[in-house]
Protein backbone atom coordinates (compact mmCIF):
# COMPACT_ATOMS: atom_id res chain seq x y z
CA MET A 1 -29.36 24.99 78.27
CA ALA A 2 -26.49 23.00 76.75
CA LEU A 3 -26.18 22.99 72.96
CA GLY A 4 -27.44 19.83 71.26
CA SER A 5 -25.06 17.81 69.22
CA ALA A 6 -26.95 18.71 65.99
CA GLU A 7 -26.73 22.50 66.71
CA LYS A 8 -23.09 22.14 67.63
CA LEU A 9 -22.20 20.22 64.51
CA GLU A 10 -24.05 22.74 62.29
CA ILE A 11 -22.07 25.63 63.86
CA VAL A 12 -18.71 23.71 63.56
CA ASN A 13 -19.44 23.17 59.87
CA LYS A 14 -20.42 26.72 59.14
CA PHE A 15 -17.47 28.37 60.91
CA GLY A 16 -14.78 25.70 60.94
CA ARG A 17 -11.64 25.97 58.83
CA LYS A 18 -11.76 22.23 57.93
CA GLU A 19 -13.92 19.18 58.75
CA GLY A 20 -14.21 18.60 62.48
CA ASP A 21 -12.40 21.84 63.46
CA THR A 22 -13.65 22.70 66.94
CA GLY A 23 -10.69 24.56 68.26
CA SER A 24 -10.34 27.56 65.94
CA PRO A 25 -11.29 30.91 67.50
CA GLU A 26 -14.01 31.37 64.91
CA VAL A 27 -15.82 28.21 66.02
CA GLN A 28 -15.36 28.94 69.67
CA ILE A 29 -16.80 32.40 69.27
CA ALA A 30 -19.84 31.08 67.35
CA LEU A 31 -20.48 28.45 69.97
CA LEU A 32 -20.13 30.96 72.85
CA SER A 33 -22.41 33.36 71.07
CA LYS A 34 -25.20 30.70 70.63
CA ARG A 35 -24.86 29.93 74.37
CA ILE A 36 -24.95 33.59 75.35
CA LEU A 37 -28.17 34.00 73.25
CA ASP A 38 -29.76 31.02 75.01
CA LEU A 39 -28.78 32.30 78.46
CA THR A 40 -30.03 35.79 77.75
CA GLY A 41 -33.38 34.44 76.87
CA HIS A 42 -33.52 32.33 79.92
CA LEU A 43 -32.63 35.33 82.09
CA LYS A 44 -35.26 37.46 80.55
CA ILE A 45 -37.85 34.86 81.88
CA ASN A 46 -36.05 33.99 85.21
CA LYS A 47 -34.88 37.33 86.49
CA LYS A 48 -33.61 36.10 89.88
CA ASP A 49 -31.32 33.36 88.54
CA HIS A 50 -28.16 34.91 89.68
CA SER A 51 -25.92 31.89 89.19
CA SER A 52 -26.87 31.79 85.47
CA ARG A 53 -26.22 35.55 85.29
CA LEU A 54 -22.64 35.06 86.66
CA GLY A 55 -22.12 32.24 84.10
CA LEU A 56 -23.37 34.54 81.38
CA LEU A 57 -20.79 37.14 82.39
CA LYS A 58 -18.05 34.52 82.28
CA LEU A 59 -19.15 33.53 78.75
CA VAL A 60 -19.24 37.09 77.57
CA GLY A 61 -15.70 37.69 78.93
CA GLN A 62 -14.33 34.61 77.32
CA ARG A 63 -15.92 35.66 73.98
CA LYS A 64 -14.42 39.06 74.26
CA ARG A 65 -10.81 37.58 74.84
CA LEU A 66 -11.34 35.35 71.84
CA LEU A 67 -12.50 38.24 69.69
CA ARG A 68 -9.60 40.37 70.72
CA TYR A 69 -7.19 37.55 69.81
CA LEU A 70 -8.80 36.90 66.51
CA LYS A 71 -8.80 40.68 65.66
CA LYS A 72 -5.07 40.76 66.48
CA THR A 73 -4.14 37.72 64.37
CA ASN A 74 -6.60 37.69 61.46
CA PHE A 75 -8.57 40.90 61.00
CA VAL A 76 -10.25 39.76 57.77
CA LYS A 77 -11.69 36.66 59.46
CA TYR A 78 -12.59 38.83 62.60
CA SER A 79 -14.72 41.08 60.42
CA GLU A 80 -16.49 38.15 58.78
CA VAL A 81 -17.32 36.60 62.11
CA ILE A 82 -18.73 39.73 63.79
CA LYS A 83 -20.80 40.47 60.74
CA GLU A 84 -22.19 36.90 60.52
CA LEU A 85 -22.94 36.72 64.21
CA SER A 86 -24.16 40.38 64.50
CA ILE A 87 -21.68 41.23 67.27
CA ARG A 88 -21.01 44.95 67.79
CA ASP A 89 -17.45 46.18 67.48
CA LYS A 90 -16.23 49.18 69.55
């Protein structure tokens, strides 16, 4: 379920502000979104995997906090990220 290094590098290059940028909120949100999609697919097959469900809820909460921070600090970048990742906005 962990992201492969090739997938992670592709996401970092796509959303990073500069080469090797892994700490910016945009990159973190994109990486979390990929993990959330993978876990959602896993949970559709394995309905009784409650430990993974709790992990999924933690990831969603973390992504929500990062999105709130990005919206507060850079609304233009926030709009681009949610459009690119197809994340709903309230």
